[in-house]
Protein backbone atom coordinates (compact mmCIF):
# COMPACT_ATOMS: atom_id res chain seq x y z
CA UNK A 1 -83.68 -58.42 -161.83
CA UNK A 2 -79.79 -58.84 -162.32
CA UNK A 3 -77.64 -60.11 -164.47
CA UNK A 4 -76.63 -64.38 -164.79
CA UNK A 5 -73.70 -65.60 -162.87
CA UNK A 6 -72.52 -66.66 -166.72
CA UNK A 7 -73.27 -63.02 -168.26
CA UNK A 8 -71.56 -61.51 -164.72
CA UNK A 9 -68.02 -63.78 -164.96
CA UNK A 10 -67.94 -62.98 -168.83
CA UNK A 11 -68.24 -58.68 -168.56
CA UNK A 12 -65.29 -59.84 -165.06
CA UNK A 13 -63.17 -62.25 -167.07
CA UNK A 14 -63.45 -59.27 -170.86
CA UNK A 15 -62.13 -56.21 -168.14
CA UNK A 16 -59.40 -58.28 -166.10
CA UNK A 17 -58.14 -59.20 -170.16
CA UNK A 18 -58.16 -55.46 -171.25
CA UNK A 19 -57.01 -54.18 -168.00
CA UNK A 20 -54.07 -56.77 -168.47
CA UNK A 21 -53.06 -56.32 -172.00
CA UNK A 22 -53.07 -52.49 -171.21
CA UNK A 23 -50.73 -52.48 -168.17
CA UNK A 24 -48.57 -55.54 -170.27
CA UNK A 25 -48.26 -52.99 -172.59
CA UNK A 26 -46.12 -50.92 -171.15
CA UNK A 27 -42.71 -50.79 -171.29
CA UNK A 28 -39.76 -48.77 -168.81
CA UNK A 29 -36.86 -46.98 -168.62
CA UNK A 30 -33.20 -48.77 -167.50
CA UNK A 31 -29.98 -47.79 -166.34
CA UNK A 32 -27.08 -50.21 -165.48
CA UNK A 33 -23.07 -48.99 -165.36
CA UNK A 34 -20.23 -51.03 -165.13
CA UNK A 35 -18.04 -48.42 -163.55
CA UNK A 36 -15.54 -49.29 -161.67
CA UNK A 37 -16.84 -47.53 -158.94
CA UNK A 38 -20.35 -46.54 -157.23
CA UNK A 39 -22.42 -44.36 -158.77
CA UNK A 40 -25.61 -41.94 -156.74
CA UNK A 41 -28.67 -42.59 -159.17
CA UNK A 42 -32.08 -40.50 -158.80
CA UNK A 43 -35.82 -41.32 -160.65
CA UNK A 44 -37.59 -37.96 -161.20
CA UNK A 45 -41.23 -36.49 -161.82
CA UNK A 46 -40.52 -33.40 -164.65
CA UNK A 47 -37.49 -32.49 -166.28
CA UNK A 48 -34.86 -30.80 -163.72
CA UNK A 49 -32.27 -28.81 -165.78
CA UNK A 50 -30.18 -27.34 -161.95
CA UNK A 51 -29.77 -30.43 -159.95
CA UNK A 52 -28.37 -28.52 -157.06
CA UNK A 53 -26.78 -30.35 -153.99
CA UNK A 54 -29.70 -29.60 -151.55
CA UNK A 55 -33.04 -29.72 -154.54
CA UNK A 56 -35.77 -32.41 -152.91
CA UNK A 57 -33.92 -35.31 -155.19
CA UNK A 58 -33.82 -38.75 -153.16
CA UNK A 59 -30.09 -39.99 -154.92
CA UNK A 60 -29.48 -44.12 -153.57
CA UNK A 61 -25.57 -45.62 -154.55
CA UNK A 62 -26.00 -47.62 -156.78
CA UNK A 63 -22.72 -51.00 -156.76
CA UNK A 64 -21.01 -51.67 -160.27
CA UNK A 65 -23.93 -53.68 -162.15
CA UNK A 66 -26.70 -52.56 -160.27
CA UNK A 67 -29.58 -52.12 -162.40
CA UNK A 68 -32.38 -48.76 -161.67
CA UNK A 69 -35.48 -49.62 -162.69
CA UNK A 70 -38.34 -46.89 -163.42
CA UNK A 71 -41.93 -48.83 -165.25
CA UNK A 72 -44.33 -47.26 -167.29
CA UNK A 73 -47.31 -48.67 -165.31
CA UNK A 74 -45.93 -46.58 -161.96
CA UNK A 75 -45.52 -42.90 -164.21
CA UNK A 76 -49.42 -41.10 -165.48
CA UNK A 77 -48.91 -40.91 -169.27
CA UNK A 78 -47.88 -37.11 -170.46
CA UNK A 79 -45.69 -37.43 -167.05
CA UNK A 80 -41.55 -36.16 -167.33
CA UNK A 81 -38.90 -39.01 -165.84
CA UNK A 82 -35.68 -38.90 -165.34
CA UNK A 83 -33.88 -41.44 -164.56
CA UNK A 84 -30.56 -39.14 -163.15
CA UNK A 85 -26.73 -41.15 -162.36
CA UNK A 86 -23.87 -38.37 -161.22
CA UNK A 87 -20.01 -39.66 -159.56
CA UNK A 88 -20.86 -37.58 -156.56
CA UNK A 89 -24.67 -36.05 -155.49
CA UNK A 90 -22.96 -33.69 -153.48
CA UNK A 91 -21.48 -31.07 -155.78
CA UNK A 92 -23.06 -27.75 -156.44
CA UNK A 93 -24.36 -27.92 -158.82
CA UNK A 94 -24.68 -32.10 -159.11
CA UNK A 95 -23.21 -33.02 -162.27
CA UNK A 96 -25.58 -35.57 -164.18
CA UNK A 97 -26.18 -38.23 -167.05
CA UNK A 98 -30.23 -38.88 -167.19
CA UNK A 99 -32.50 -41.23 -169.56
CA UNK A 100 -35.14 -39.11 -170.03
CA UNK A 101 -38.56 -40.03 -170.83
CA UNK A 102 -42.19 -38.76 -171.49
CA UNK A 103 -45.15 -41.73 -172.18
CA UNK A 104 -48.44 -41.80 -174.05
CA UNK A 105 -50.77 -44.14 -174.95
CA UNK A 106 -49.42 -43.39 -178.86
CA UNK A 107 -45.51 -43.18 -177.96
CA UNK A 108 -42.86 -42.85 -175.92
CA UNK A 109 -40.92 -40.19 -176.73
CA UNK A 110 -37.23 -40.65 -174.66
CA UNK A 111 -33.21 -38.84 -175.20
CA UNK A 112 -30.18 -39.15 -173.17
CA UNK A 113 -28.82 -35.88 -172.24
CA UNK A 114 -26.07 -34.31 -170.47
CA UNK A 115 -27.31 -30.75 -170.55
CA UNK A 116 -26.89 -30.87 -166.59
CA UNK A 117 -23.16 -31.60 -167.06
CA UNK A 118 -21.51 -35.08 -168.38
CA UNK A 119 -20.06 -36.85 -165.23
CA UNK A 120 -19.48 -40.32 -167.57
CA UNK A 121 -17.97 -38.38 -170.79
CA UNK A 122 -14.36 -40.23 -170.11
CA UNK A 123 -15.72 -44.29 -169.54
CA UNK A 124 -18.61 -43.12 -172.52
CA UNK A 125 -22.15 -44.76 -172.17
CA UNK A 126 -24.99 -46.12 -174.69
CA UNK A 127 -28.53 -47.15 -174.56
CA UNK A 128 -30.76 -49.07 -176.53
CA UNK A 129 -34.30 -49.15 -177.58
CA UNK A 130 -36.17 -52.53 -177.67
CA UNK A 131 -39.41 -51.72 -178.57
CA UNK A 132 -41.49 -54.64 -178.00
CA UNK A 133 -44.39 -53.56 -180.56
CA UNK A 134 -42.69 -51.47 -183.09
CA UNK A 135 -45.09 -49.71 -185.47
CA UNK A 136 -44.15 -48.21 -188.60
CA UNK A 137 -44.28 -44.51 -187.95
CA UNK A 138 -41.95 -44.78 -185.52
CA UNK A 139 -38.56 -46.99 -188.08
CA UNK A 140 -36.46 -44.07 -188.80
CA UNK A 141 -36.18 -42.74 -184.16
CA UNK A 142 -36.70 -45.67 -182.35
CA UNK A 143 -32.93 -45.90 -182.24
CA UNK A 144 -30.27 -46.79 -179.52
CA UNK A 145 -27.21 -43.90 -178.84
CA UNK A 146 -23.06 -44.50 -178.38
CA UNK A 147 -21.21 -41.85 -176.51
CA UNK A 148 -17.88 -43.58 -177.21
CA UNK A 149 -15.47 -42.33 -174.30
CA UNK A 150 -13.77 -39.13 -174.10
CA UNK A 151 -16.50 -38.32 -177.36
CA UNK A 152 -17.40 -34.63 -175.89
CA UNK A 153 -19.68 -33.86 -179.00
CA UNK A 154 -21.44 -37.03 -178.78
CA UNK A 155 -24.36 -36.63 -181.70
CA UNK A 156 -26.59 -39.08 -180.31
CA UNK A 157 -27.57 -37.12 -177.25
CA UNK A 158 -29.32 -34.19 -175.85
CA UNK A 159 -26.40 -31.73 -174.77
CA UNK A 160 -27.22 -28.11 -175.31
CA UNK A 161 -30.85 -26.22 -173.97
CA UNK A 162 -31.66 -25.27 -177.14
CA UNK A 163 -30.39 -28.30 -179.26
CA UNK A 164 -33.79 -29.10 -181.11
CA UNK A 165 -34.66 -32.72 -180.39
CA UNK A 166 -30.82 -33.27 -181.80
CA UNK A 167 -30.96 -36.62 -179.07
CA UNK A 168 -34.77 -37.59 -178.82
CA UNK A 169 -36.25 -40.43 -180.17
CA UNK A 170 -39.30 -42.24 -180.29
CA UNK A 171 -41.09 -45.75 -179.69
CA UNK A 172 -44.34 -47.58 -179.03
CA UNK A 173 -45.08 -47.34 -175.25
CA UNK A 174 -43.96 -50.64 -175.10
CA UNK A 175 -40.45 -49.99 -174.94
CA UNK A 176 -37.67 -50.74 -172.84
CA UNK A 177 -34.70 -48.31 -172.69
CA UNK A 178 -31.86 -49.28 -171.40
CA UNK A 179 -29.42 -46.44 -171.11
CA UNK A 180 -25.61 -48.55 -170.02
CA UNK A 181 -23.46 -45.70 -168.44
CA UNK A 182 -18.98 -46.77 -168.43
CA UNK A 183 -19.82 -48.15 -171.68
CA UNK A 184 -16.23 -48.20 -172.97
């Protein structure tokens, strides 16, 4: 005794729609730079605090205006991701500005960190968060960040390892986070 073809079709379509709604609900992290020079970026699982030049980080040269993307659907829920960029990947230690995020089914937590250096302080940087499924509980924490050129003490970012979430943001897991380097 088997299932009827109509039932099988309905079951298949239901499963497909469920999968598509979960997959399409996931957001992404983006880093773009408006610098007049090339930068080197890497997407790293885990949130490294001290990046040395000999670390197993694969740096990719990015031309001005190039976009680096990390889709949430390619990252396991709960895994931390660092989208790091530097002016000099051969330095030891490497000075990086990074967009860090961790997503779960309920939310995405993220920040911009300069704990491992601030190679773009002179040019400034900004972060936007476009939440495609805004939720009331995140209305105060799903917000942008901006650090003006030369602002070495920017209050919108995570700038020391013990700042107790000064720069932490939270949105739904359907957020597009964009870090723009050299934003002026």
